[in-house]
Protein backbone atom coordinates (compact mmCIF):
# COMPACT_ATOMS: atom_id res chain seq x y z
CA MET A 1 13.98 26.40 -31.14
CA LYS A 2 13.39 28.46 -34.22
CA LYS A 3 10.72 31.14 -34.26
CA LEU A 4 8.92 31.30 -37.56
CA LEU A 5 6.34 33.73 -38.87
CA LEU A 6 3.42 32.41 -40.87
CA ALA A 7 1.46 34.56 -43.26
CA SER A 8 -0.41 32.08 -45.38
CA ALA A 9 -3.62 30.25 -46.02
CA ILE A 10 -3.75 27.57 -43.35
CA ILE A 11 -6.85 25.48 -43.25
CA ALA A 12 -7.83 22.00 -42.26
CA GLY A 13 -6.18 20.13 -45.09
CA SER A 14 -3.46 22.64 -45.92
CA PHE A 15 -0.56 20.22 -45.97
CA ALA A 16 -2.17 17.17 -47.52
CA GLY A 17 0.02 17.73 -50.54
CA GLN A 18 3.14 18.54 -48.54
CA ALA A 19 5.44 16.36 -50.65
CA THR A 20 4.97 18.62 -53.67
CA ALA A 21 7.33 21.45 -54.56
CA ALA A 22 4.57 23.99 -53.88
CA ILE A 23 5.24 23.75 -50.14
CA PRO A 24 8.74 24.73 -49.02
CA LEU A 25 10.33 22.34 -46.52
CA LYS A 26 13.20 22.78 -44.09
CA ASP A 27 14.56 19.81 -42.12
CA GLY A 28 11.46 17.86 -43.13
CA PHE A 29 8.96 20.42 -41.89
CA VAL A 30 7.04 23.23 -43.50
CA ASP A 31 9.26 26.30 -43.64
CA PHE A 32 6.85 29.03 -42.66
CA SER A 33 9.45 31.72 -43.16
CA ALA A 34 9.53 30.91 -46.88
CA ALA A 35 5.87 30.05 -47.39
CA THR A 36 3.80 32.77 -48.95
CA GLY A 37 0.65 30.78 -49.50
CA LEU A 38 0.03 27.13 -48.83
CA ALA A 39 -2.41 25.60 -51.25
CA GLN A 40 -5.44 23.76 -49.90
CA ALA A 41 -5.54 20.15 -50.94
CA GLY A 42 -7.85 17.40 -49.82
CA ALA A 43 -10.80 17.19 -47.48
CA VAL A 44 -10.64 16.17 -43.84
CA LYS A 45 -11.18 12.43 -43.51
CA GLN A 46 -12.07 12.42 -39.82
CA GLU A 47 -11.95 14.62 -36.72
CA ILE A 48 -12.02 13.46 -33.07
CA TRP A 49 -12.07 15.08 -29.61
CA MET A 50 -10.22 14.11 -26.41
CA ALA A 51 -10.60 15.68 -22.95
CA GLY A 52 -8.85 15.42 -19.59
CA SER A 53 -5.38 14.63 -18.24
CA SER A 54 -2.67 17.03 -19.41
CA ALA A 55 -0.13 14.23 -18.80
CA ALA A 56 -1.78 12.30 -21.63
CA THR A 57 -1.21 15.09 -24.15
CA GLN A 58 2.38 14.17 -24.91
CA PHE A 59 1.22 10.57 -25.44
CA ILE A 60 -1.30 11.84 -27.95
CA GLU A 61 1.32 13.97 -29.68
CA LYS A 62 3.82 11.13 -30.01
CA SER A 63 1.07 8.87 -31.30
CA ILE A 64 0.10 11.42 -33.92
CA ILE A 65 3.71 11.92 -35.00
CA ALA A 66 4.07 8.15 -35.32
CA SER A 67 0.96 8.10 -37.54
CA SER A 68 1.88 11.05 -39.77
CA ILE A 69 3.74 10.97 -43.05
CA GLY A 70 5.10 14.48 -42.49
CA PRO A 71 4.72 17.64 -40.41
CA VAL A 72 2.09 17.77 -37.71
CA TYR A 73 0.46 21.13 -37.14
CA LYS A 74 -0.52 21.99 -33.58
CA TYR A 75 -2.78 24.96 -32.95
CA LYS A 76 -3.42 26.09 -29.39
CA ASP A 77 -5.79 28.57 -27.81
CA VAL A 78 -4.25 31.65 -26.19
CA ASP A 79 -4.35 30.06 -22.72
CA GLY A 80 -2.63 26.86 -23.86
CA LYS A 81 -5.48 24.66 -22.62
CA ALA A 82 -6.99 23.50 -25.93
CA PHE A 83 -5.05 22.03 -28.84
CA THR A 84 -5.82 21.02 -32.42
CA TYR A 85 -3.52 18.67 -34.35
CA ILE A 86 -3.73 18.30 -38.13
CA PHE A 87 -1.78 15.56 -39.87
CA THR A 88 -1.59 13.40 -42.96
CA ALA A 89 -1.72 9.63 -42.35
CA LYS A 90 1.17 7.52 -43.50
CA ALA A 91 0.84 4.03 -44.85
CA ASN A 92 0.57 0.95 -42.62
CA VAL A 93 -1.36 2.65 -39.80
CA THR A 94 -4.22 0.24 -39.18
CA GLY A 95 -7.56 1.80 -40.10
CA LEU A 96 -6.22 5.08 -41.48
CA THR A 97 -6.22 6.00 -45.17
CA PRO A 98 -2.69 6.81 -46.39
CA GLY A 99 -2.43 10.43 -47.51
CA ALA A 100 -5.74 11.44 -45.91
CA THR A 101 -6.01 14.44 -43.59
CA TYR A 102 -7.06 13.84 -39.96
CA ILE A 103 -7.73 16.20 -37.06
CA VAL A 104 -7.35 15.48 -33.34
CA ASN A 105 -8.62 17.99 -30.77
CA LYS A 106 -7.35 17.77 -27.18
CA ARG A 107 -8.56 19.72 -24.13
CA ASP A 108 -6.20 20.01 -21.12
CA GLY A 109 -7.99 22.82 -19.30
CA GLY A 110 -9.24 21.75 -15.88
CA GLY A 111 -7.02 18.67 -15.77
CA SER A 112 -8.25 15.15 -15.14
CA ILE A 113 -11.57 16.30 -13.72
CA THR A 114 -12.48 17.52 -17.22
CA GLY A 115 -12.24 13.93 -18.46
CA ILE A 116 -14.30 12.65 -15.54
CA LEU A 117 -17.06 15.20 -16.15
CA ALA A 118 -17.12 14.37 -19.87
CA ALA A 119 -17.75 10.70 -19.02
CA THR A 120 -20.62 11.16 -16.56
CA VAL A 121 -24.33 11.06 -17.36
CA PRO A 122 -25.31 13.60 -18.46
CA PRO A 123 -21.83 14.51 -19.66
CA THR A 124 -20.32 17.95 -19.37
CA ASP A 125 -18.91 18.71 -22.79
CA ALA A 126 -15.43 20.25 -22.72
CA SER A 127 -14.51 23.34 -24.74
CA PHE A 128 -12.29 22.75 -27.76
CA ASN A 129 -10.86 24.89 -30.54
CA ASN A 130 -13.60 25.47 -33.09
CA ARG A 131 -12.66 25.87 -36.70
CA THR A 132 -14.78 28.56 -38.33
CA ALA A 133 -17.36 27.87 -40.98
CA ALA A 134 -14.81 28.96 -43.54
CA ALA A 135 -12.26 26.49 -42.22
CA ASN A 136 -14.80 23.70 -42.04
CA ALA A 137 -15.73 24.45 -45.64
CA LEU A 138 -12.02 24.35 -46.48
CA GLY A 139 -12.04 27.94 -47.65
CA ALA A 140 -8.86 30.04 -47.76
CA GLN A 141 -7.87 32.24 -44.82
CA THR A 142 -4.98 34.55 -44.16
CA LEU A 143 -3.55 34.05 -40.69
CA THR A 144 -0.59 35.82 -39.14
CA LYS A 145 0.89 34.41 -35.95
CA ALA A 146 4.15 33.25 -34.39
CA CYS A 147 4.92 29.57 -34.94
CA GLU A 148 7.47 27.38 -33.24
CA LEU A 149 8.95 24.13 -34.54
CA LYS A 150 9.87 21.73 -31.73
CA ASP A 151 10.02 17.96 -31.31
CA GLY A 152 8.43 17.27 -34.70
CA ILE A 153 5.41 19.53 -34.19
CA THR A 154 4.85 23.02 -35.54
CA THR A 155 2.93 24.96 -32.88
CA CYS A 156 1.00 28.14 -33.60
CA THR A 157 -1.19 30.18 -31.30
CA THR A 158 -4.75 29.83 -32.51
CA PRO A 159 -5.98 33.08 -34.07
CA ALA A 160 -8.96 34.84 -32.57
CA LEU A 161 -11.19 33.72 -35.44
CA ILE A 162 -11.01 30.16 -34.11
CA ALA A 163 -13.06 30.35 -30.91
CA LEU A 164 -13.79 27.72 -28.26
CA VAL A 165 -16.92 25.61 -28.49
CA ALA A 166 -18.30 22.78 -26.35
CA HIS A 167 -18.17 19.33 -27.90
CA ALA A 168 -18.70 15.73 -26.82
CA SER A 169 -15.49 13.76 -26.22
CA ASP A 170 -14.50 10.57 -27.99
CA VAL A 171 -11.86 9.84 -25.33
CA LYS A 172 -11.97 10.87 -21.66
CA LEU A 173 -8.67 10.74 -19.74
CA SER A 174 -7.59 10.93 -16.10
CA ASP A 175 -4.28 10.51 -14.25
CA VAL A 176 -6.05 8.32 -11.66
CA ASP A 177 -9.30 6.36 -11.39
CA ALA A 178 -12.56 8.29 -11.48
CA ALA A 179 -13.55 7.37 -7.91
CA GLN A 180 -10.91 9.73 -6.50
CA PHE A 181 -12.92 12.65 -7.91
CA ALA A 182 -15.96 11.82 -5.80
CA SER A 183 -14.19 13.76 -3.04
CA ALA A 184 -14.31 17.51 -2.54
CA LEU A 185 -10.52 17.33 -2.16
CA ASN A 186 -10.38 16.58 -5.89
CA GLY A 187 -13.10 18.92 -7.10
CA ALA A 188 -16.48 17.29 -6.35
CA ASP A 189 -19.15 19.81 -5.41
CA ALA A 190 -22.91 20.26 -5.46
CA ALA A 191 -22.84 21.82 -8.91
CA ASN A 192 -21.04 18.98 -10.72
CA GLY A 193 -22.52 16.13 -8.67
CA LEU A 194 -19.30 14.12 -8.79
CA ALA A 195 -19.75 12.83 -5.25
CA THR A 196 -22.02 10.21 -6.81
CA LYS A 197 -21.41 10.51 -10.57
CA ALA A 198 -17.68 9.77 -10.32
CA LEU A 199 -18.52 6.40 -8.78
CA THR A 200 -20.64 5.31 -11.74
CA VAL A 201 -18.06 5.38 -14.56
CA THR A 202 -15.38 2.82 -15.37
CA SER A 203 -11.64 3.48 -15.31
CA THR A 204 -9.41 1.49 -17.67
CA PRO A 205 -5.62 1.82 -17.19
CA ILE A 206 -3.59 2.49 -20.34
CA ALA A 207 -0.19 3.62 -19.03
CA ALA A 208 1.65 4.46 -15.82
CA GLN A 209 3.05 7.92 -15.08
CA VAL A 210 5.94 8.62 -12.71
CA PHE A 211 5.48 11.69 -10.51
CA GLY A 212 8.09 13.49 -8.46
CA ILE A 213 8.59 15.90 -5.59
CA ALA A 214 10.60 18.92 -6.65
CA VAL A 215 12.19 21.75 -4.69
CA ASN A 216 13.38 25.02 -6.13
CA LEU A 217 17.11 25.29 -6.73
CA ARG A 218 17.90 27.38 -3.65
CA LEU A 219 16.15 24.87 -1.41
CA ARG A 220 17.91 21.95 -3.12
CA ASP A 221 21.28 23.63 -2.55
CA ALA A 222 20.39 24.41 1.07
CA MET A 223 19.40 20.79 1.67
CA GLN A 224 22.75 19.62 0.26
CA VAL A 225 24.61 22.00 2.59
CA ALA A 226 22.67 20.79 5.64
CA MET A 227 23.10 17.12 4.70
CA ASN A 228 26.84 17.66 4.24
CA LYS A 229 27.19 19.27 7.66
CA ALA A 230 25.18 16.43 9.15
CA GLY A 231 27.59 13.93 7.59
CA VAL A 232 24.96 12.52 5.23
CA LEU A 233 26.49 13.82 1.98
CA PRO A 234 30.17 14.32 1.06
CA ALA A 235 31.72 17.70 0.33
CA THR A 236 31.79 16.94 -3.41
CA CYS A 237 28.00 17.32 -3.37
CA LEU A 238 28.58 21.05 -2.85
CA SER A 239 30.81 21.37 -5.91
CA THR A 240 31.73 18.90 -8.63
CA ALA A 241 29.03 16.30 -7.91
CA LYS A 242 26.05 18.55 -7.21
CA GLU A 243 24.07 17.26 -10.18
CA THR A 244 24.37 13.52 -9.54
CA GLU A 245 22.02 10.85 -8.24
CA ALA A 246 24.28 10.25 -5.22
CA CYS A 247 23.95 13.89 -4.19
CA MET A 248 20.19 14.23 -4.58
CA PRO A 249 18.64 15.27 -1.24
CA SER A 250 16.01 12.91 0.16
CA LEU A 251 12.91 13.19 2.32
CA THR A 252 10.96 10.32 3.81
CA SER A 253 7.34 9.60 2.99
CA GLN A 254 6.45 10.62 6.54
CA GLN A 255 8.25 13.96 6.18
CA LEU A 256 6.47 14.63 2.88
CA ALA A 257 3.12 13.68 4.40
CA THR A 258 3.82 16.20 7.16
CA ILE A 259 4.89 18.96 4.77
CA TRP A 260 1.79 18.55 2.58
CA ALA A 261 -0.68 17.99 5.43
CA LYS A 262 -3.19 20.64 6.40
CA ASP A 263 -2.06 22.91 9.27
CA ARG A 264 1.22 21.06 9.86
CA PHE A 265 4.81 22.13 9.21
CA THR A 266 4.87 25.87 8.58
CA ASN A 267 8.59 26.56 9.18
CA TRP A 268 11.50 25.28 7.07
CA GLY A 269 13.66 25.57 10.19
CA ASN A 270 11.92 22.48 11.55
CA LEU A 271 13.48 20.27 8.88
CA ARG A 272 16.47 18.38 10.27
CA PHE A 273 19.00 16.03 8.70
CA GLY A 274 21.18 13.41 10.38
CA GLY A 275 18.86 12.40 13.22
CA THR A 276 17.94 14.20 16.45
CA THR A 277 21.50 15.37 16.97
CA GLY A 278 21.89 16.36 13.32
CA THR A 279 21.72 19.69 11.56
CA ASP A 280 18.60 21.71 10.88
CA LEU A 281 18.11 23.25 7.46
CA VAL A 282 18.33 26.91 8.50
CA THR A 283 21.28 27.03 10.90
CA ALA A 284 23.44 25.21 8.35
CA GLN A 285 23.20 28.11 5.89
CA SER A 286 25.18 31.31 5.54
CA ALA A 287 23.16 34.51 6.06
CA ALA A 288 23.04 35.19 2.30
CA ASN A 289 21.50 31.79 1.60
CA LYS A 290 18.65 32.06 4.10
CA PRO A 291 15.30 33.37 2.81
CA ALA A 292 13.92 36.47 4.50
CA ASN A 293 10.85 34.49 5.52
CA LEU A 294 10.79 30.80 6.53
CA ASP A 295 7.12 30.20 5.65
CA VAL A 296 6.63 26.98 3.69
CA HIS A 297 5.73 27.81 0.09
CA MET A 298 4.01 24.98 -1.79
CA CYS A 299 3.63 25.08 -5.58
CA SER A 300 0.77 22.72 -6.32
CA ARG A 301 -2.39 22.35 -8.39
CA THR A 302 -6.05 23.24 -8.14
CA ALA A 303 -8.69 20.69 -7.12
CA GLY A 304 -9.48 18.52 -10.13
CA SER A 305 -5.86 17.97 -11.12
CA GLY A 306 -4.78 14.36 -11.46
CA THR A 307 -1.32 15.31 -10.23
CA LEU A 308 -2.83 16.61 -7.00
CA ALA A 309 -5.13 13.59 -6.71
CA THR A 310 -2.11 11.29 -6.97
CA LEU A 311 -0.24 13.22 -4.28
CA ASN A 312 -3.28 13.14 -2.00
CA VAL A 313 -3.72 9.39 -2.24
CA LYS A 314 -0.01 8.51 -2.04
CA PHE A 315 1.04 10.73 0.87
CA GLU A 316 -2.11 11.81 2.72
CA ASN A 317 -4.16 8.62 2.24
CA ALA A 318 -6.85 10.92 0.90
CA PRO A 319 -9.69 10.57 0.16
CA CYS A 320 -9.25 6.88 1.02
CA PHE A 321 -9.28 7.51 4.79
CA SER A 322 -11.84 9.84 6.35
CA GLY A 323 -9.34 11.04 8.96
CA ASN A 324 -6.82 12.26 6.40
CA GLU A 325 -5.17 15.66 6.72
CA ALA A 326 -4.98 16.65 3.07
CA ILE A 327 -5.15 20.33 2.22
CA GLN A 328 -8.43 21.45 0.66
CA ALA A 329 -7.13 22.88 -2.61
CA PRO A 330 -9.00 25.71 -4.34
CA VAL A 331 -10.62 25.00 -7.69
CA THR A 332 -9.29 28.20 -9.27
CA GLN A 333 -5.75 29.51 -9.45
CA THR A 334 -4.63 31.44 -6.38
CA THR A 335 -1.51 33.15 -5.07
CA VAL A 336 -1.51 33.51 -1.28
CA VAL A 337 0.70 36.01 0.55
CA GLU A 338 2.84 35.90 3.65
CA ALA A 339 1.39 37.28 6.87
CA GLY A 340 2.52 37.21 10.49
CA ALA A 341 5.83 36.04 11.89
CA SER A 342 8.39 34.28 9.71
CA GLY A 343 7.76 30.55 9.63
CA SER A 344 4.21 30.77 10.91
CA LYS A 345 2.33 29.99 7.73
CA LYS A 346 1.97 27.33 5.05
CA LEU A 347 1.35 29.03 1.69
CA TYR A 348 -0.45 26.85 -0.85
CA HIS A 349 -0.10 28.26 -4.37
CA ALA A 350 -2.75 26.55 -6.53
CA THR A 351 -1.90 26.54 -10.24
CA THR A 352 -4.02 25.45 -13.18
CA SER A 353 -1.27 23.76 -15.19
CA THR A 354 2.15 22.16 -14.82
CA GLY A 355 3.70 25.07 -16.69
CA ASN A 356 2.24 27.52 -14.18
CA LEU A 357 3.51 25.31 -11.36
CA GLU A 358 7.02 25.52 -12.82
CA ASN A 359 6.61 29.30 -12.98
CA CYS A 360 5.77 29.24 -9.26
CA LEU A 361 8.91 27.28 -8.34
CA THR A 362 11.26 29.38 -10.46
CA ALA A 363 9.73 32.74 -9.45
CA LEU A 364 10.15 31.89 -5.77
CA ASP A 365 13.73 30.79 -6.47
CA GLU A 366 14.57 34.04 -8.26
CA GLY A 367 12.47 36.42 -6.18
CA LYS A 368 10.94 37.99 -9.26
CA ALA A 369 7.83 37.52 -11.37
CA ASN A 370 7.80 34.67 -13.85
CA SER A 371 4.89 34.82 -16.28
CA THR A 372 1.83 33.69 -14.29
CA PHE A 373 3.36 33.96 -10.81
CA THR A 374 4.50 36.96 -8.77
CA PRO A 375 6.52 36.09 -5.63
CA PRO A 376 7.66 38.21 -2.69
CA SER A 377 10.44 40.70 -3.44
CA SER A 378 13.20 38.24 -2.52
CA PHE A 379 13.74 34.51 -2.90
CA ARG A 380 11.89 31.86 -0.88
CA TRP A 381 12.32 28.11 -0.43
CA ALA A 382 9.55 26.18 -2.16
CA ILE A 383 8.42 22.61 -2.80
CA GLY A 384 6.23 21.31 -5.64
CA VAL A 385 4.73 18.25 -7.28
CA LEU A 386 4.75 17.39 -10.99
CA GLY A 387 5.46 14.68 -13.55
CA ALA A 388 9.00 13.34 -13.26
CA GLU A 389 9.56 13.81 -17.00
CA ARG A 390 9.79 17.58 -16.54
CA ASN A 391 13.06 19.57 -16.48
CA ALA A 392 15.18 16.61 -17.58
CA THR A 393 18.07 18.86 -18.64
CA ASN A 394 18.05 20.95 -15.43
CA ALA A 395 17.36 24.08 -17.47
CA LYS A 396 14.85 25.40 -14.93
CA ALA A 397 15.48 26.53 -11.37
CA TYR A 398 14.20 23.43 -9.59
CA ARG A 399 15.28 19.82 -9.04
CA PHE A 400 13.60 16.57 -8.09
CA ILE A 401 14.54 15.01 -4.76
CA LYS A 402 14.54 11.38 -3.65
CA ILE A 403 11.67 9.84 -1.69
CA ASP A 404 12.81 7.43 1.04
CA GLY A 405 16.26 7.50 -0.56
CA VAL A 406 14.98 6.48 -4.01
CA PRO A 407 14.92 8.74 -7.11
CA ALA A 408 11.97 8.93 -9.50
CA SER A 409 13.30 6.69 -12.27
CA ALA A 410 11.07 4.38 -14.27
CA GLU A 411 13.34 1.49 -13.32
CA ASN A 412 12.73 2.09 -9.61
CA VAL A 413 8.97 1.96 -10.24
CA VAL A 414 9.38 -1.36 -12.04
CA LYS A 415 11.42 -2.71 -9.14
CA GLY A 416 8.73 -1.73 -6.63
CA ALA A 417 11.12 0.69 -4.90
CA TYR A 418 9.49 4.01 -5.86
CA LYS A 419 5.91 4.64 -4.76
CA PHE A 420 4.89 7.94 -6.36
CA TRP A 421 3.26 6.83 -9.61
CA ALA A 422 -0.25 6.39 -10.95
CA GLU A 423 -2.07 4.72 -13.81
CA LEU A 424 -3.35 6.99 -16.55
CA ALA A 425 -6.83 5.77 -17.48
CA THR A 426 -9.59 6.19 -20.00
CA ILE A 427 -12.87 7.00 -18.27
CA GLY A 428 -16.23 5.63 -19.37
CA LYS A 429 -16.75 4.60 -22.97
CA THR A 430 -14.14 5.26 -25.64
CA SER A 431 -15.20 5.66 -29.26
CA THR A 432 -14.39 2.74 -31.54
CA ASP A 433 -13.90 4.73 -34.76
CA VAL A 434 -10.73 4.08 -36.75
CA LEU A 435 -8.90 7.31 -35.82
CA THR A 436 -9.56 7.03 -32.08
CA THR A 437 -8.57 3.36 -32.16
CA ALA A 438 -5.34 4.07 -34.06
CA ILE A 439 -4.28 6.86 -31.69
CA MET A 440 -5.11 4.93 -28.50
CA ASN A 441 -3.39 1.76 -29.73
CA ASN A 442 -0.23 3.83 -30.04
CA VAL A 443 -0.72 5.40 -26.62
CA LYS A 444 -0.79 1.95 -25.00
CA ASN A 445 2.20 0.62 -26.95
CA PRO A 446 5.38 0.42 -24.82
CA THR A 447 7.63 0.76 -27.86
CA LEU A 448 6.08 4.18 -28.47
CA ILE A 449 5.89 5.06 -24.77
CA LYS A 450 9.68 4.97 -24.73
CA LEU A 451 9.60 7.94 -27.13
CA VAL A 452 7.80 10.00 -24.50
CA ASN A 453 10.33 9.19 -21.80
CA VAL A 454 13.30 11.40 -20.96
CA ASP A 455 16.76 10.73 -19.57
CA ASN A 456 17.03 12.98 -16.54
CA LEU A 457 20.60 14.19 -16.08
CA ASN A 458 20.52 13.36 -12.36
CA PHE A 459 18.83 9.97 -12.18
CA GLY A 460 18.17 8.40 -15.57
CA VAL A 461 15.18 7.35 -17.65
CA THR A 462 11.79 8.41 -16.31
CA GLY A 463 8.32 9.40 -17.39
CA PHE A 464 5.93 6.62 -18.39
CA LEU A 465 5.47 2.86 -18.64
CA GLY A 466 3.07 0.49 -20.29
CA VAL A 467 0.66 -1.39 -18.04
CA ALA A 468 0.36 -5.15 -17.88
CA ASN A 469 -3.43 -5.00 -18.04
CA ASN A 470 -2.98 -4.55 -21.78
CA ALA A 471 -2.17 -8.08 -22.90
CA ALA A 472 -0.10 -6.89 -25.84
CA ALA A 473 2.09 -4.88 -23.46
CA LEU A 474 3.41 -7.79 -21.38
CA PRO A 475 7.21 -7.60 -21.37
CA THR A 476 9.41 -10.35 -22.74
CA TYR A 477 13.08 -10.67 -21.96
CA ASN A 478 15.64 -12.97 -23.53
CA SER A 479 18.63 -12.90 -21.20
CA ILE A 480 17.68 -12.70 -17.54
CA ILE A 481 14.71 -15.07 -17.76
CA ALA A 482 12.91 -17.16 -20.34
CA PRO A 483 11.25 -15.19 -23.16
CA GLY A 484 7.60 -14.48 -22.44
CA THR A 485 7.92 -14.81 -18.67
CA LYS A 486 5.98 -12.16 -16.75
CA ILE A 487 8.35 -10.25 -14.50
CA ASN A 488 8.42 -6.79 -13.03
CA GLY A 489 12.04 -6.60 -11.95
CA ALA A 490 13.86 -6.48 -15.29
CA PHE A 491 13.54 -2.95 -16.64
CA ASP A 492 13.71 -2.51 -20.41
CA ALA A 493 14.07 1.15 -21.40
CA ALA A 494 13.26 0.26 -25.02
CA ARG A 495 9.96 -1.30 -23.99
CA PRO A 496 9.11 -0.08 -20.48
CA VAL A 497 6.29 -1.99 -18.76
CA ASN A 498 5.16 -1.93 -15.14
CA LEU A 499 3.55 -5.14 -13.86
CA TYR A 500 2.50 -3.46 -10.62
CA THR A 501 -1.08 -2.23 -10.81
CA HIS A 502 -3.76 -0.60 -8.66
CA SER A 503 -6.33 -2.91 -10.27
CA GLY A 504 -7.70 -5.95 -8.46
CA LEU A 505 -8.68 -9.29 -9.89
CA ALA A 506 -12.19 -8.12 -10.75
CA ALA A 507 -12.98 -6.26 -13.95
CA ASN A 508 -13.12 -2.44 -13.78
CA SER A 509 -11.38 -2.50 -10.39
CA LEU A 510 -8.76 0.24 -10.86
CA ASN A 511 -8.59 2.09 -7.54
CA HIS A 512 -5.56 4.05 -6.38
CA CYS A 513 -6.58 3.55 -2.76
CA ARG A 514 -5.32 -0.02 -3.24
CA ALA A 515 -1.67 -0.82 -2.65
CA PRO A 516 -0.23 -1.80 -6.06
CA THR A 517 0.32 -5.51 -6.64
CA ILE A 518 1.66 -7.62 -9.50
CA LEU A 519 -0.24 -9.91 -11.83
CA THR A 520 -0.82 -13.54 -10.99
CA GLY A 521 2.21 -15.55 -12.09
CA ALA A 522 4.59 -12.59 -12.24
CA LYS A 523 7.89 -12.75 -10.39
CA ALA A 524 8.57 -9.98 -7.86
CA MET A 525 12.18 -8.96 -7.36
CA GLN A 526 13.79 -7.28 -4.37
CA GLY A 527 13.40 -3.54 -4.68
CA LEU A 528 16.90 -2.20 -5.26
CA ASN A 529 18.62 -5.22 -6.84
């Protein structure tokens, strides 16, 4: 990543004339280090607003990149919860005017519940970056800020002169169906009225997201040691094969339900591998590799997060079953502290974003503060939940584990072998204007979804899949079966589609309390073939 300093006039249409010599380019992007003043050219053709699911943001970004003739500028507020994208449309994007400047605003703050609230009646307008009157009038400004070029997008922290302002949303997004947010477990309260409002809006699936259970690196290593001593993993898993699919530790769905349940499982020493006569996690370790406190640290999300809602429904049967034991997550970020005897407490660290959750896992692994999270003075074992597309290169101090012996690959979802996934949905009405339509058509397109996916070093391609509810997304294969045949078992990384769905036969029936099934006429294949 290259850090670049911008001291120039950046306004809404600043790069509409990017192909001209007046704007210095480097590797196809604006070279801010060389730019002394970017000339304004062209008015903004259209501006739209999107609110909700943070998982959807990378879909939006890839869609914008696919629609742009050149660099995409991404401005973010200082908290990283609101984003503004400015791009110039290329030719052959249906509905968009080639060479025209377009603006897409996206709000992540609050997670999926923000999208739900924006879709209810009356709607709660989310807060977006607000371009000043000068920017709206396309007047020149001088802005100085650090910019970073990564993955085809130039990101700059929004200057103070661009404040946040409430605005109606053209697209409302959630990681799961809206009905899940009628529960207090997922953020419903007397003030927002979601106990009833969330049941009145429609949920339309547009893509499937793979989620994963992660443990910090010290806990992963400890699990490998215990599983080796129990005869479950070979000795190579402690050395040359540590970072392989075969050596990934595994927990059962029942174990995970116990770990995440309210008031259960407070001591890591109660985790055993190899059956009743096997090896428990703690006694298998050398003294140096045991944390000073065996309390169970959980890096999770605040109520209202779609990630948390997916975990609740998949492992705690919550809020689907009134007798569930799901933890009541706080709605604001918290950091709880150890108290009492070692192994006597479950510590739920609620974070407001996936990035903050990663900070939680790594800080507990290292025993030192990491940005938004301050841990105890020495390392602790910790478990977390986040999208499986994260940390694909193992650069951060945590790893995904298997669930019921199955890793979080997109192929395992397609085969019906991996359960921890959900359908990203639009909530309520979506605007039908040309820019919204162009962006959302890309979001639903499996050939573009593949661009969002990652190849995890330990278990392969993961991240997202198209959904079969979108007729244009139905997969076709030309070798295993006849072209055009609906089938969920043949995974195509170039055009990933999942025929399993939480929707029923009736319209507007997306409900993650349902067990996923395949479409009528599709051919189910045995899970791990």
